[in-house]
Amino acid sequence: MPEAAQDCRVLVVDDEPAIRFVVAETLTFEGYPVKTAGNGEEALKILEQERPELVLLDMRMPVLDGWGFARELKRRGVDVPIVVMTAAQNARGWSREIGATAYLAKPFDLVDLLDTVERLCPPP
């Protein structure tokens, strides 16, 4: 396990339980502390308690979608790298719309997920 993994808390925000589970389990196995949320509103509640170093964000979710979550982060002055995870054709465009650092087009390979997280997590 990379030493940096322990110092990089990741928040996974996706309304699909299976995706949340696989992503969280994969990152946890690699040593990353992970929290999960089923929508943007749940994610904001987590952010009130703890500040992750990276957010993996689905865009289309009920209650509060990825756009609303990103707007609220900006409004609160929270500056955290965001990786958009979406099955939409225009994943790149959506990631640019919200100022995301990167994107993963679903279905994505777990190696790509780990490469992206390792690239974006700050060193200890």
N, C-alpha and C. Protein backbone atom coordinates (compact mmCIF):
# COMPACT_ATOMS: atom_id res chain seq x y z
N MET A 1 0.85 -1.19 0.00
CA MET A 1 0.00 0.00 0.00
C MET A 1 0.89 1.24 0.00
N PRO A 2 0.59 2.20 -0.89
CA PRO A 2 1.38 3.43 -0.89
C PRO A 2 1.16 4.20 0.40
N GLU A 3 2.24 4.79 0.93
CA GLU A 3 2.11 5.55 2.17
C GLU A 3 1.15 6.71 2.01
N ALA A 4 1.15 7.34 0.84
CA ALA A 4 0.29 8.50 0.61
C ALA A 4 -1.18 8.13 0.73
N ALA A 5 -1.52 6.88 0.46
CA ALA A 5 -2.92 6.46 0.49
C ALA A 5 -3.56 6.74 1.85
N GLN A 6 -2.83 6.49 2.91
CA GLN A 6 -3.39 6.68 4.25
C GLN A 6 -3.70 8.15 4.52
N ASP A 7 -3.03 9.05 3.82
CA ASP A 7 -3.20 10.48 4.06
C ASP A 7 -4.18 11.12 3.09
N CYS A 8 -4.78 10.34 2.23
CA CYS A 8 -5.68 10.88 1.21
C CYS A 8 -7.08 10.31 1.41
N ARG A 9 -7.93 11.07 2.08
CA ARG A 9 -9.31 10.64 2.29
C ARG A 9 -10.11 10.90 1.02
N VAL A 10 -10.88 9.90 0.61
CA VAL A 10 -11.65 9.99 -0.63
C VAL A 10 -13.13 9.90 -0.30
N LEU A 11 -13.92 10.78 -0.91
CA LEU A 11 -15.37 10.75 -0.79
C LEU A 11 -15.94 10.30 -2.12
N VAL A 12 -16.68 9.19 -2.11
CA VAL A 12 -17.31 8.63 -3.31
C VAL A 12 -18.79 8.98 -3.27
N VAL A 13 -19.26 9.74 -4.27
CA VAL A 13 -20.65 10.19 -4.32
C VAL A 13 -21.30 9.63 -5.58
N ASP A 14 -22.18 8.64 -5.39
CA ASP A 14 -22.85 8.00 -6.53
C ASP A 14 -24.15 7.39 -6.03
N ASP A 15 -25.22 7.51 -6.81
CA ASP A 15 -26.51 6.98 -6.37
C ASP A 15 -26.65 5.48 -6.64
N GLU A 16 -25.71 4.89 -7.35
CA GLU A 16 -25.75 3.45 -7.62
C GLU A 16 -24.99 2.71 -6.52
N PRO A 17 -25.70 1.95 -5.67
CA PRO A 17 -25.03 1.25 -4.57
C PRO A 17 -23.90 0.33 -5.04
N ALA A 18 -24.07 -0.35 -6.17
CA ALA A 18 -23.04 -1.27 -6.64
C ALA A 18 -21.76 -0.52 -7.02
N ILE A 19 -21.91 0.62 -7.64
CA ILE A 19 -20.72 1.41 -8.01
C ILE A 19 -20.04 1.95 -6.76
N ARG A 20 -20.83 2.49 -5.83
CA ARG A 20 -20.25 2.98 -4.57
C ARG A 20 -19.46 1.86 -3.90
N PHE A 21 -20.04 0.67 -3.85
CA PHE A 21 -19.41 -0.45 -3.17
C PHE A 21 -18.09 -0.84 -3.84
N VAL A 22 -18.12 -1.04 -5.15
CA VAL A 22 -16.91 -1.49 -5.86
C VAL A 22 -15.80 -0.44 -5.75
N VAL A 23 -16.14 0.82 -5.95
CA VAL A 23 -15.13 1.88 -5.88
C VAL A 23 -14.57 1.98 -4.46
N ALA A 24 -15.47 1.98 -3.47
CA ALA A 24 -15.02 2.09 -2.07
C ALA A 24 -14.17 0.89 -1.66
N GLU A 25 -14.60 -0.31 -2.03
CA GLU A 25 -13.84 -1.51 -1.67
C GLU A 25 -12.46 -1.51 -2.33
N THR A 26 -12.40 -1.12 -3.59
CA THR A 26 -11.14 -1.07 -4.31
C THR A 26 -10.18 -0.09 -3.64
N LEU A 27 -10.67 1.11 -3.35
CA LEU A 27 -9.81 2.12 -2.74
C LEU A 27 -9.42 1.74 -1.30
N THR A 28 -10.36 1.17 -0.56
CA THR A 28 -10.06 0.73 0.80
C THR A 28 -8.99 -0.35 0.79
N PHE A 29 -9.10 -1.28 -0.15
CA PHE A 29 -8.10 -2.35 -0.28
C PHE A 29 -6.72 -1.76 -0.53
N GLU A 30 -6.67 -0.65 -1.27
CA GLU A 30 -5.39 0.01 -1.57
C GLU A 30 -4.91 0.90 -0.43
N GLY A 31 -5.71 1.01 0.64
CA GLY A 31 -5.28 1.75 1.81
C GLY A 31 -5.86 3.15 1.95
N TYR A 32 -6.74 3.54 1.04
CA TYR A 32 -7.34 4.88 1.14
C TYR A 32 -8.50 4.87 2.12
N PRO A 33 -8.56 5.85 3.02
CA PRO A 33 -9.76 6.00 3.86
C PRO A 33 -10.89 6.52 2.96
N VAL A 34 -12.04 5.85 2.97
CA VAL A 34 -13.13 6.18 2.05
C VAL A 34 -14.43 6.40 2.82
N LYS A 35 -15.16 7.44 2.42
CA LYS A 35 -16.54 7.67 2.85
C LYS A 35 -17.39 7.64 1.59
N THR A 36 -18.65 7.24 1.74
CA THR A 36 -19.53 7.20 0.57
C THR A 36 -20.83 7.96 0.85
N ALA A 37 -21.43 8.46 -0.23
CA ALA A 37 -22.71 9.15 -0.15
C ALA A 37 -23.52 8.79 -1.39
N GLY A 38 -24.84 8.70 -1.22
CA GLY A 38 -25.72 8.33 -2.32
C GLY A 38 -26.21 9.50 -3.15
N ASN A 39 -25.93 10.73 -2.70
CA ASN A 39 -26.30 11.93 -3.46
C ASN A 39 -25.52 13.11 -2.90
N GLY A 40 -25.65 14.24 -3.58
CA GLY A 40 -24.90 15.43 -3.18
C GLY A 40 -25.24 15.94 -1.80
N GLU A 41 -26.50 15.81 -1.40
CA GLU A 41 -26.90 16.28 -0.07
C GLU A 41 -26.21 15.46 1.03
N GLU A 42 -26.19 14.14 0.87
CA GLU A 42 -25.48 13.28 1.84
C GLU A 42 -24.00 13.64 1.87
N ALA A 43 -23.44 13.91 0.70
CA ALA A 43 -22.02 14.26 0.62
C ALA A 43 -21.72 15.56 1.36
N LEU A 44 -22.61 16.55 1.23
CA LEU A 44 -22.41 17.82 1.93
C LEU A 44 -22.44 17.62 3.44
N LYS A 45 -23.29 16.72 3.91
CA LYS A 45 -23.34 16.43 5.36
C LYS A 45 -22.02 15.82 5.83
N ILE A 46 -21.45 14.95 5.01
CA ILE A 46 -20.15 14.35 5.35
C ILE A 46 -19.08 15.44 5.39
N LEU A 47 -19.14 16.37 4.44
CA LEU A 47 -18.15 17.45 4.37
C LEU A 47 -18.22 18.38 5.59
N GLU A 48 -19.37 18.43 6.25
CA GLU A 48 -19.48 19.25 7.45
C GLU A 48 -18.67 18.65 8.59
N GLN A 49 -18.44 17.34 8.55
CA GLN A 49 -17.72 16.63 9.60
C GLN A 49 -16.25 16.41 9.26
N GLU A 50 -15.97 16.22 8.00
CA GLU A 50 -14.64 15.78 7.60
C GLU A 50 -14.35 16.27 6.19
N ARG A 51 -13.12 16.69 5.95
CA ARG A 51 -12.74 17.22 4.64
C ARG A 51 -11.91 16.20 3.88
N PRO A 52 -12.45 15.64 2.79
CA PRO A 52 -11.65 14.70 2.00
C PRO A 52 -10.61 15.45 1.16
N GLU A 53 -9.62 14.73 0.70
CA GLU A 53 -8.62 15.30 -0.20
C GLU A 53 -9.03 15.13 -1.66
N LEU A 54 -10.04 14.26 -1.89
CA LEU A 54 -10.49 13.98 -3.26
C LEU A 54 -11.95 13.56 -3.23
N VAL A 55 -12.73 14.04 -4.22
CA VAL A 55 -14.13 13.65 -4.37
C VAL A 55 -14.31 12.97 -5.72
N LEU A 56 -14.88 11.76 -5.70
CA LEU A 56 -15.28 11.06 -6.93
C LEU A 56 -16.79 11.26 -7.04
N LEU A 57 -17.23 11.94 -8.10
CA LEU A 57 -18.59 12.46 -8.15
C LEU A 57 -19.35 12.02 -9.39
N ASP A 58 -20.48 11.34 -9.16
CA ASP A 58 -21.43 11.06 -10.23
C ASP A 58 -22.18 12.37 -10.50
N MET A 59 -22.69 12.54 -11.69
CA MET A 59 -23.39 13.79 -12.02
C MET A 59 -24.90 13.67 -11.91
N ARG A 60 -25.45 12.57 -12.41
CA ARG A 60 -26.91 12.40 -12.40
C ARG A 60 -27.31 11.60 -11.16
N MET A 61 -27.84 12.32 -10.17
CA MET A 61 -28.29 11.69 -8.93
C MET A 61 -29.56 12.39 -8.46
N PRO A 62 -30.38 11.68 -7.69
CA PRO A 62 -31.56 12.32 -7.11
C PRO A 62 -31.15 13.24 -5.96
N VAL A 63 -32.08 14.00 -5.47
CA VAL A 63 -31.95 14.91 -4.33
C VAL A 63 -31.05 16.10 -4.66
N LEU A 64 -29.75 15.88 -4.81
CA LEU A 64 -28.82 16.94 -5.22
C LEU A 64 -27.82 16.31 -6.18
N ASP A 65 -27.86 16.76 -7.44
CA ASP A 65 -26.99 16.17 -8.46
C ASP A 65 -25.57 16.73 -8.38
N GLY A 66 -24.71 16.25 -9.27
CA GLY A 66 -23.31 16.66 -9.26
C GLY A 66 -23.11 18.15 -9.50
N TRP A 67 -23.94 18.74 -10.38
CA TRP A 67 -23.83 20.18 -10.64
C TRP A 67 -24.16 20.98 -9.39
N GLY A 68 -25.25 20.59 -8.72
CA GLY A 68 -25.65 21.29 -7.49
C GLY A 68 -24.62 21.13 -6.39
N PHE A 69 -24.06 19.94 -6.28
CA PHE A 69 -23.02 19.69 -5.27
C PHE A 69 -21.81 20.57 -5.54
N ALA A 70 -21.36 20.63 -6.80
CA ALA A 70 -20.19 21.44 -7.15
C ALA A 70 -20.45 22.93 -6.89
N ARG A 71 -21.66 23.40 -7.22
CA ARG A 71 -22.01 24.80 -6.95
C ARG A 71 -21.95 25.10 -5.46
N GLU A 72 -22.48 24.17 -4.67
CA GLU A 72 -22.49 24.38 -3.22
C GLU A 72 -21.08 24.37 -2.65
N LEU A 73 -20.21 23.52 -3.17
CA LEU A 73 -18.80 23.53 -2.72
C LEU A 73 -18.19 24.90 -2.97
N LYS A 74 -18.39 25.44 -4.17
CA LYS A 74 -17.84 26.77 -4.50
C LYS A 74 -18.42 27.82 -3.56
N ARG A 75 -19.74 27.76 -3.33
CA ARG A 75 -20.40 28.74 -2.47
C ARG A 75 -19.80 28.71 -1.07
N ARG A 76 -19.46 27.51 -0.59
CA ARG A 76 -18.90 27.35 0.75
C ARG A 76 -17.39 27.61 0.78
N GLY A 77 -16.79 27.83 -0.38
CA GLY A 77 -15.35 28.07 -0.43
C GLY A 77 -14.52 26.82 -0.22
N VAL A 78 -15.10 25.66 -0.52
CA VAL A 78 -14.38 24.39 -0.38
C VAL A 78 -13.64 24.10 -1.68
N ASP A 79 -12.33 24.01 -1.58
CA ASP A 79 -11.51 23.73 -2.76
C ASP A 79 -10.94 22.32 -2.63
N VAL A 80 -11.55 21.38 -3.34
CA VAL A 80 -11.11 19.99 -3.30
C VAL A 80 -11.15 19.45 -4.73
N PRO A 81 -10.13 18.68 -5.13
CA PRO A 81 -10.18 18.10 -6.47
C PRO A 81 -11.39 17.18 -6.64
N ILE A 82 -12.04 17.29 -7.79
CA ILE A 82 -13.21 16.46 -8.10
C ILE A 82 -12.91 15.65 -9.35
N VAL A 83 -13.25 14.37 -9.30
CA VAL A 83 -13.20 13.50 -10.46
C VAL A 83 -14.64 13.14 -10.80
N VAL A 84 -15.10 13.55 -11.98
CA VAL A 84 -16.45 13.22 -12.42
C VAL A 84 -16.47 11.77 -12.89
N MET A 85 -17.45 11.01 -12.39
CA MET A 85 -17.67 9.62 -12.83
C MET A 85 -19.05 9.60 -13.48
N THR A 86 -19.10 9.40 -14.80
CA THR A 86 -20.40 9.40 -15.46
C THR A 86 -20.40 8.50 -16.68
N ALA A 87 -21.59 7.99 -16.99
CA ALA A 87 -21.76 7.17 -18.20
C ALA A 87 -22.17 8.04 -19.38
N ALA A 88 -22.33 9.32 -19.17
CA ALA A 88 -22.77 10.22 -20.24
C ALA A 88 -21.71 10.32 -21.33
N GLN A 89 -22.17 10.54 -22.55
CA GLN A 89 -21.26 10.69 -23.69
C GLN A 89 -20.31 11.87 -23.51
N ASN A 90 -20.81 12.91 -22.86
CA ASN A 90 -20.01 14.14 -22.74
C ASN A 90 -19.38 14.28 -21.36
N ALA A 91 -18.75 13.21 -20.89
CA ALA A 91 -18.11 13.23 -19.58
C ALA A 91 -17.08 14.36 -19.49
N ARG A 92 -16.31 14.54 -20.53
CA ARG A 92 -15.28 15.59 -20.53
C ARG A 92 -15.93 16.98 -20.40
N GLY A 93 -16.98 17.21 -21.17
CA GLY A 93 -17.67 18.50 -21.13
C GLY A 93 -18.27 18.78 -19.76
N TRP A 94 -18.90 17.77 -19.17
CA TRP A 94 -19.49 17.95 -17.85
C TRP A 94 -18.41 18.23 -16.81
N SER A 95 -17.28 17.56 -16.92
CA SER A 95 -16.22 17.79 -15.94
C SER A 95 -15.70 19.23 -16.06
N ARG A 96 -15.62 19.74 -17.31
CA ARG A 96 -15.20 21.13 -17.50
C ARG A 96 -16.23 22.10 -16.94
N GLU A 97 -17.53 21.78 -17.13
CA GLU A 97 -18.61 22.66 -16.65
C GLU A 97 -18.48 22.95 -15.16
N ILE A 98 -18.11 21.95 -14.40
CA ILE A 98 -18.06 22.15 -12.94
C ILE A 98 -16.65 22.41 -12.44
N GLY A 99 -15.69 22.52 -13.35
CA GLY A 99 -14.32 22.78 -12.94
C GLY A 99 -13.64 21.58 -12.31
N ALA A 100 -14.06 20.37 -12.71
CA ALA A 100 -13.45 19.15 -12.15
C ALA A 100 -12.01 19.01 -12.64
N THR A 101 -11.23 18.29 -11.85
CA THR A 101 -9.83 18.07 -12.16
C THR A 101 -9.66 16.98 -13.22
N ALA A 102 -10.56 15.98 -13.19
CA ALA A 102 -10.46 14.84 -14.10
C ALA A 102 -11.83 14.20 -14.23
N TYR A 103 -11.91 13.21 -15.11
CA TYR A 103 -13.16 12.46 -15.25
C TYR A 103 -12.84 11.01 -15.57
N LEU A 104 -13.79 10.14 -15.21
CA LEU A 104 -13.74 8.73 -15.55
C LEU A 104 -15.06 8.41 -16.23
N ALA A 105 -15.02 7.94 -17.47
CA ALA A 105 -16.23 7.57 -18.18
C ALA A 105 -16.63 6.15 -17.78
N LYS A 106 -17.88 6.00 -17.31
CA LYS A 106 -18.38 4.67 -16.94
C LYS A 106 -18.75 3.91 -18.20
N PRO A 107 -18.52 2.60 -18.24
CA PRO A 107 -17.82 1.83 -17.22
C PRO A 107 -16.32 2.05 -17.33
N PHE A 108 -15.67 2.29 -16.20
CA PHE A 108 -14.23 2.51 -16.22
C PHE A 108 -13.52 1.31 -15.63
N ASP A 109 -12.28 1.16 -16.02
CA ASP A 109 -11.44 0.08 -15.53
C ASP A 109 -10.93 0.46 -14.14
N LEU A 110 -10.85 -0.50 -13.23
CA LEU A 110 -10.37 -0.20 -11.88
C LEU A 110 -8.93 0.27 -11.87
N VAL A 111 -8.14 -0.16 -12.85
CA VAL A 111 -6.77 0.33 -12.96
C VAL A 111 -6.78 1.83 -13.26
N ASP A 112 -7.69 2.26 -14.14
CA ASP A 112 -7.81 3.69 -14.44
C ASP A 112 -8.25 4.47 -13.21
N LEU A 113 -9.17 3.90 -12.45
CA LEU A 113 -9.60 4.53 -11.20
C LEU A 113 -8.41 4.74 -10.27
N LEU A 114 -7.64 3.68 -10.05
CA LEU A 114 -6.50 3.77 -9.14
C LEU A 114 -5.44 4.73 -9.66
N ASP A 115 -5.18 4.70 -10.95
CA ASP A 115 -4.21 5.63 -11.54
C ASP A 115 -4.63 7.08 -11.31
N THR A 116 -5.91 7.35 -11.52
CA THR A 116 -6.44 8.71 -11.35
C THR A 116 -6.33 9.16 -9.89
N VAL A 117 -6.74 8.29 -8.98
CA VAL A 117 -6.69 8.63 -7.56
C VAL A 117 -5.25 8.85 -7.12
N GLU A 118 -4.34 7.97 -7.53
CA GLU A 118 -2.92 8.11 -7.15
C GLU A 118 -2.33 9.41 -7.70
N ARG A 119 -2.76 9.79 -8.90
CA ARG A 119 -2.23 11.01 -9.51
C ARG A 119 -2.70 12.26 -8.77
N LEU A 120 -3.94 12.23 -8.26
CA LEU A 120 -4.53 13.42 -7.69
C LEU A 120 -4.40 13.58 -6.19
N CYS A 121 -4.09 12.48 -5.51
CA CYS A 121 -3.97 12.59 -4.06
C CYS A 121 -2.65 13.25 -3.70
N PRO A 122 -2.72 14.25 -2.83
CA PRO A 122 -1.50 14.96 -2.46
C PRO A 122 -0.55 14.06 -1.69
N PRO A 123 0.74 14.31 -1.82
CA PRO A 123 1.69 13.52 -1.07
C PRO A 123 1.58 13.80 0.42
N PRO A 124 2.02 12.88 1.26
CA PRO A 124 1.89 13.07 2.72
C PRO A 124 2.76 14.22 3.20
